[in-house]
PDB file of all heavy atoms in Angstrom:
ATOM      1  N   TYR A   1     -88.121 -30.957  95.901  1.00  0.00           N
ATOM      2  CA  TYR A   1     -89.242 -30.365  96.621  1.00  0.00           C
ATOM      3  C   TYR A   1     -90.547 -31.007  96.161  1.00  0.00           C
ATOM      4  O   TYR A   1     -90.603 -31.704  95.147  1.00  0.00           O
ATOM      5  CB  TYR A   1     -89.290 -28.853  96.381  1.00  0.00           C
ATOM      6  CG  TYR A   1     -88.011 -28.131  96.739  1.00  0.00           C
ATOM      7  CD1 TYR A   1     -87.058 -27.851  95.765  1.00  0.00           C
ATOM      8  CD2 TYR A   1     -87.766 -27.733  98.050  1.00  0.00           C
ATOM      9  CE1 TYR A   1     -85.876 -27.187  96.088  1.00  0.00           C
ATOM     10  CE2 TYR A   1     -86.592 -27.076  98.392  1.00  0.00           C
ATOM     11  CZ  TYR A   1     -85.653 -26.803  97.397  1.00  0.00           C
ATOM     12  OH  TYR A   1     -84.495 -26.158  97.730  1.00  0.00           O
ATOM     13  N   ASN A   2     -91.597 -30.717  96.907  1.00  0.00           N
ATOM     14  CA  ASN A   2     -92.930 -31.131  96.490  1.00  0.00           C
ATOM     15  C   ASN A   2     -93.488 -30.051  95.556  1.00  0.00           C
ATOM     16  O   ASN A   2     -93.268 -30.100  94.361  1.00  0.00           O
ATOM     17  CB  ASN A   2     -93.828 -31.360  97.708  1.00  0.00           C
ATOM     18  CG  ASN A   2     -95.191 -31.883  97.330  1.00  0.00           C
ATOM     19  OD1 ASN A   2     -95.330 -32.586  96.327  1.00  0.00           O
ATOM     20  ND2 ASN A   2     -96.192 -31.529  98.099  1.00  0.00           N
ATOM     21  N   ALA A   3     -94.192 -29.090  96.069  1.00  0.00           N
ATOM     22  CA  ALA A   3     -94.719 -27.987  95.255  1.00  0.00           C
ATOM     23  C   ALA A   3     -93.806 -26.768  95.388  1.00  0.00           C
ATOM     24  O   ALA A   3     -93.458 -26.358  96.491  1.00  0.00           O
ATOM     25  CB  ALA A   3     -96.130 -27.630  95.688  1.00  0.00           C
ATOM     26  N   VAL A   4     -93.423 -26.201  94.261  1.00  0.00           N
ATOM     27  CA  VAL A   4     -92.626 -24.975  94.240  1.00  0.00           C
ATOM     28  C   VAL A   4     -93.463 -23.878  93.605  1.00  0.00           C
ATOM     29  O   VAL A   4     -93.996 -24.053  92.497  1.00  0.00           O
ATOM     30  CB  VAL A   4     -91.320 -25.169  93.443  1.00  0.00           C
ATOM     31  CG1 VAL A   4     -90.579 -23.841  93.316  1.00  0.00           C
ATOM     32  CG2 VAL A   4     -90.435 -26.208  94.113  1.00  0.00           C
ATOM     33  N   SER A   5     -93.589 -22.757  94.287  1.00  0.00           N
ATOM     34  CA  SER A   5     -94.359 -21.642  93.751  1.00  0.00           C
ATOM     35  C   SER A   5     -93.613 -20.339  93.985  1.00  0.00           C
ATOM     36  O   SER A   5     -93.020 -20.125  95.045  1.00  0.00           O
ATOM     37  CB  SER A   5     -95.751 -21.578  94.376  1.00  0.00           C
ATOM     38  OG  SER A   5     -95.667 -21.330  95.761  1.00  0.00           O
ATOM     39  N   VAL A   6     -93.645 -19.489  92.967  1.00  0.00           N
ATOM     40  CA  VAL A   6     -93.007 -18.176  93.031  1.00  0.00           C
ATOM     41  C   VAL A   6     -94.059 -17.132  92.717  1.00  0.00           C
ATOM     42  O   VAL A   6     -94.705 -17.183  91.665  1.00  0.00           O
ATOM     43  CB  VAL A   6     -91.836 -18.056  92.037  1.00  0.00           C
ATOM     44  CG1 VAL A   6     -91.262 -16.650  92.067  1.00  0.00           C
ATOM     45  CG2 VAL A   6     -90.756 -19.091  92.353  1.00  0.00           C
ATOM     46  N   SER A   7     -94.244 -16.204  93.625  1.00  0.00           N
ATOM     47  CA  SER A   7     -95.150 -15.083  93.411  1.00  0.00           C
ATOM     48  C   SER A   7     -94.372 -13.803  93.681  1.00  0.00           C
ATOM     49  O   SER A   7     -94.044 -13.504  94.825  1.00  0.00           O
ATOM     50  CB  SER A   7     -96.361 -15.180  94.345  1.00  0.00           C
ATOM     51  OG  SER A   7     -97.209 -14.065  94.174  1.00  0.00           O
ATOM     52  N   GLY A   8     -94.034 -13.115  92.612  1.00  0.00           N
ATOM     53  CA  GLY A   8     -93.187 -11.927  92.748  1.00  0.00           C
ATOM     54  C   GLY A   8     -91.903 -12.127  91.982  1.00  0.00           C
ATOM     55  O   GLY A   8     -91.900 -12.284  90.771  1.00  0.00           O
ATOM     56  N   SER A   9     -90.784 -12.193  92.707  1.00  0.00           N
ATOM     57  CA  SER A   9     -89.474 -12.357  92.080  1.00  0.00           C
ATOM     58  C   SER A   9     -88.713 -13.485  92.766  1.00  0.00           C
ATOM     59  O   SER A   9     -88.471 -13.418  93.976  1.00  0.00           O
ATOM     60  CB  SER A   9     -88.675 -11.051  92.170  1.00  0.00           C
ATOM     61  OG  SER A   9     -87.373 -11.204  91.649  1.00  0.00           O
ATOM     62  N   GLY A  10     -88.354 -14.513  92.000  1.00  0.00           N
ATOM     63  CA  GLY A  10     -87.646 -15.645  92.580  1.00  0.00           C
ATOM     64  C   GLY A  10     -86.461 -16.066  91.748  1.00  0.00           C
ATOM     65  O   GLY A  10     -86.469 -15.918  90.522  1.00  0.00           O
ATOM     66  N   LYS A  11     -85.449 -16.598  92.432  1.00  0.00           N
ATOM     67  CA  LYS A  11     -84.269 -17.078  91.736  1.00  0.00           C
ATOM     68  C   LYS A  11     -83.962 -18.491  92.201  1.00  0.00           C
ATOM     69  O   LYS A  11     -83.872 -18.762  93.395  1.00  0.00           O
ATOM     70  CB  LYS A  11     -83.068 -16.164  91.994  1.00  0.00           C
ATOM     71  CG  LYS A  11     -81.864 -16.489  91.116  1.00  0.00           C
ATOM     72  CD  LYS A  11     -80.815 -15.394  91.177  1.00  0.00           C
ATOM     73  CE  LYS A  11     -79.678 -15.675  90.203  1.00  0.00           C
ATOM     74  NZ  LYS A  11     -78.642 -14.609  90.243  1.00  0.00           N
ATOM     75  N   LEU A  12     -83.825 -19.420  91.222  1.00  0.00           N
ATOM     76  CA  LEU A  12     -83.529 -20.819  91.513  1.00  0.00           C
ATOM     77  C   LEU A  12     -82.051 -21.083  91.249  1.00  0.00           C
ATOM     78  O   LEU A  12     -81.514 -20.644  90.215  1.00  0.00           O
ATOM     79  CB  LEU A  12     -84.375 -21.741  90.637  1.00  0.00           C
ATOM     80  CG  LEU A  12     -85.855 -21.938  91.004  1.00  0.00           C
ATOM     81  CD1 LEU A  12     -86.652 -20.638  90.898  1.00  0.00           C
ATOM     82  CD2 LEU A  12     -86.488 -22.975  90.084  1.00  0.00           C
ATOM     83  N   PHE A  13     -81.412 -21.817  92.170  1.00  0.00           N
ATOM     84  CA  PHE A  13     -79.991 -22.103  92.027  1.00  0.00           C
ATOM     85  C   PHE A  13     -79.785 -23.594  91.763  1.00  0.00           C
ATOM     86  O   PHE A  13     -80.388 -24.449  92.416  1.00  0.00           O
ATOM     87  CB  PHE A  13     -79.239 -21.688  93.292  1.00  0.00           C
ATOM     88  CG  PHE A  13     -79.164 -20.205  93.482  1.00  0.00           C
ATOM     89  CD1 PHE A  13     -80.156 -19.539  94.180  1.00  0.00           C
ATOM     90  CD2 PHE A  13     -78.120 -19.464  92.950  1.00  0.00           C
ATOM     91  CE1 PHE A  13     -80.100 -18.164  94.358  1.00  0.00           C
ATOM     92  CE2 PHE A  13     -78.051 -18.092  93.113  1.00  0.00           C
ATOM     93  CZ  PHE A  13     -79.052 -17.438  93.825  1.00  0.00           C
ATOM     94  N   GLY A  14     -78.922 -23.907  90.802  1.00  0.00           N
ATOM     95  CA  GLY A  14     -78.611 -25.294  90.496  1.00  0.00           C
ATOM     96  C   GLY A  14     -79.814 -26.027  89.925  1.00  0.00           C
ATOM     97  O   GLY A  14     -80.703 -25.439  89.305  1.00  0.00           O
ATOM     98  N   GLN A  15     -79.850 -27.340  90.134  1.00  0.00           N
ATOM     99  CA  GLN A  15     -80.923 -28.177  89.600  1.00  0.00           C
ATOM    100  C   GLN A  15     -82.039 -28.298  90.633  1.00  0.00           C
ATOM    101  O   GLN A  15     -81.833 -28.803  91.733  1.00  0.00           O
ATOM    102  CB  GLN A  15     -80.369 -29.563  89.251  1.00  0.00           C
ATOM    103  CG  GLN A  15     -81.359 -30.442  88.526  1.00  0.00           C
ATOM    104  CD  GLN A  15     -80.765 -31.793  88.180  1.00  0.00           C
ATOM    105  OE1 GLN A  15     -80.994 -32.779  88.858  1.00  0.00           O
ATOM    106  NE2 GLN A  15     -79.971 -31.833  87.100  1.00  0.00           N
ATOM    107  N   VAL A  16     -83.216 -27.840  90.239  1.00  0.00           N
ATOM    108  CA  VAL A  16     -84.381 -27.901  91.116  1.00  0.00           C
ATOM    109  C   VAL A  16     -85.321 -28.980  90.599  1.00  0.00           C
ATOM    110  O   VAL A  16     -85.777 -28.937  89.448  1.00  0.00           O
ATOM    111  CB  VAL A  16     -85.105 -26.541  91.181  1.00  0.00           C
ATOM    112  CG1 VAL A  16     -86.425 -26.672  91.944  1.00  0.00           C
ATOM    113  CG2 VAL A  16     -84.215 -25.495  91.842  1.00  0.00           C
ATOM    114  N   ARG A  17     -85.617 -29.969  91.441  1.00  0.00           N
ATOM    115  CA  ARG A  17     -86.570 -31.038  91.110  1.00  0.00           C
ATOM    116  C   ARG A  17     -87.806 -30.874  91.989  1.00  0.00           C
ATOM    117  O   ARG A  17     -87.686 -30.628  93.195  1.00  0.00           O
ATOM    118  CB  ARG A  17     -85.937 -32.415  91.354  1.00  0.00           C
ATOM    119  CG  ARG A  17     -84.789 -32.745  90.409  1.00  0.00           C
ATOM    120  CD  ARG A  17     -84.218 -34.124  90.709  1.00  0.00           C
ATOM    121  NE  ARG A  17     -83.204 -34.499  89.749  1.00  0.00           N
ATOM    122  CZ  ARG A  17     -83.435 -35.152  88.617  1.00  0.00           C
ATOM    123  NH1 ARG A  17     -84.677 -35.530  88.327  1.00  0.00           N
ATOM    124  NH2 ARG A  17     -82.464 -35.466  87.802  1.00  0.00           N
ATOM    125  N   CYS A  18     -88.970 -31.047  91.388  1.00  0.00           N
ATOM    126  CA  CYS A  18     -90.185 -30.845  92.157  1.00  0.00           C
ATOM    127  C   CYS A  18     -91.341 -31.640  91.555  1.00  0.00           C
ATOM    128  O   CYS A  18     -91.256 -32.137  90.422  1.00  0.00           O
ATOM    129  CB  CYS A  18     -90.549 -29.367  92.229  1.00  0.00           C
ATOM    130  SG  CYS A  18     -90.744 -28.578  90.610  1.00  0.00           S
ATOM    131  N   ALA A  19     -92.430 -31.737  92.323  1.00  0.00           N
ATOM    132  CA  ALA A  19     -93.629 -32.408  91.833  1.00  0.00           C
ATOM    133  C   ALA A  19     -94.442 -31.474  90.955  1.00  0.00           C
ATOM    134  O   ALA A  19     -94.920 -31.861  89.892  1.00  0.00           O
ATOM    135  CB  ALA A  19     -94.466 -32.908  93.004  1.00  0.00           C
ATOM    136  N   THR A  20     -94.626 -30.219  91.399  1.00  0.00           N
ATOM    137  CA  THR A  20     -95.325 -29.198  90.608  1.00  0.00           C
ATOM    138  C   THR A  20     -94.574 -27.884  90.723  1.00  0.00           C
ATOM    139  O   THR A  20     -93.864 -27.641  91.710  1.00  0.00           O
ATOM    140  CB  THR A  20     -96.774 -29.008  91.077  1.00  0.00           C
ATOM    141  OG1 THR A  20     -96.772 -28.549  92.440  1.00  0.00           O
ATOM    142  CG2 THR A  20     -97.566 -30.302  90.959  1.00  0.00           C
ATOM    143  N   PHE A  21     -94.757 -27.029  89.719  1.00  0.00           N
ATOM    144  CA  PHE A  21     -94.066 -25.732  89.714  1.00  0.00           C
ATOM    145  C   PHE A  21     -94.998 -24.672  89.153  1.00  0.00           C
ATOM    146  O   PHE A  21     -95.684 -24.892  88.147  1.00  0.00           O
ATOM    147  CB  PHE A  21     -92.800 -25.803  88.853  1.00  0.00           C
ATOM    148  CG  PHE A  21     -92.038 -24.509  88.793  1.00  0.00           C
ATOM    149  CD1 PHE A  21     -91.123 -24.188  89.784  1.00  0.00           C
ATOM    150  CD2 PHE A  21     -92.249 -23.606  87.761  1.00  0.00           C
ATOM    151  CE1 PHE A  21     -90.422 -22.987  89.743  1.00  0.00           C
ATOM    152  CE2 PHE A  21     -91.553 -22.408  87.710  1.00  0.00           C
ATOM    153  CZ  PHE A  21     -90.633 -22.095  88.709  1.00  0.00           C
ATOM    154  N   SER A  22     -95.006 -23.521  89.806  1.00  0.00           N
ATOM    155  CA  SER A  22     -95.771 -22.382  89.295  1.00  0.00           C
ATOM    156  C   SER A  22     -95.015 -21.095  89.592  1.00  0.00           C
ATOM    157  O   SER A  22     -94.382 -20.960  90.643  1.00  0.00           O
ATOM    158  CB  SER A  22     -97.166 -22.328  89.917  1.00  0.00           C
ATOM    159  OG  SER A  22     -97.093 -22.094  91.312  1.00  0.00           O
ATOM    160  N   SER A  23     -95.081 -20.181  88.647  1.00  0.00           N
ATOM    161  CA  SER A  23     -94.409 -18.900  88.811  1.00  0.00           C
ATOM    162  C   SER A  23     -95.280 -17.802  88.221  1.00  0.00           C
ATOM    163  O   SER A  23     -95.732 -17.900  87.081  1.00  0.00           O
ATOM    164  CB  SER A  23     -93.041 -18.902  88.124  1.00  0.00           C
ATOM    165  OG  SER A  23     -92.439 -17.617  88.173  1.00  0.00           O
ATOM    166  N   ALA A  24     -95.520 -16.776  89.004  1.00  0.00           N
ATOM    167  CA  ALA A  24     -96.268 -15.606  88.550  1.00  0.00           C
ATOM    168  C   ALA A  24     -95.440 -14.376  88.910  1.00  0.00           C
ATOM    169  O   ALA A  24     -95.204 -14.116  90.088  1.00  0.00           O
ATOM    170  CB  ALA A  24     -97.638 -15.540  89.208  1.00  0.00           C
TER     171      ALA A  24
END
């Protein structure tokens, strides 16, 4: 992915590759 952002509740499966990542 390019930008990955999670606001709230998120679940990632397997290997996630991205340019940027943010989680709140």
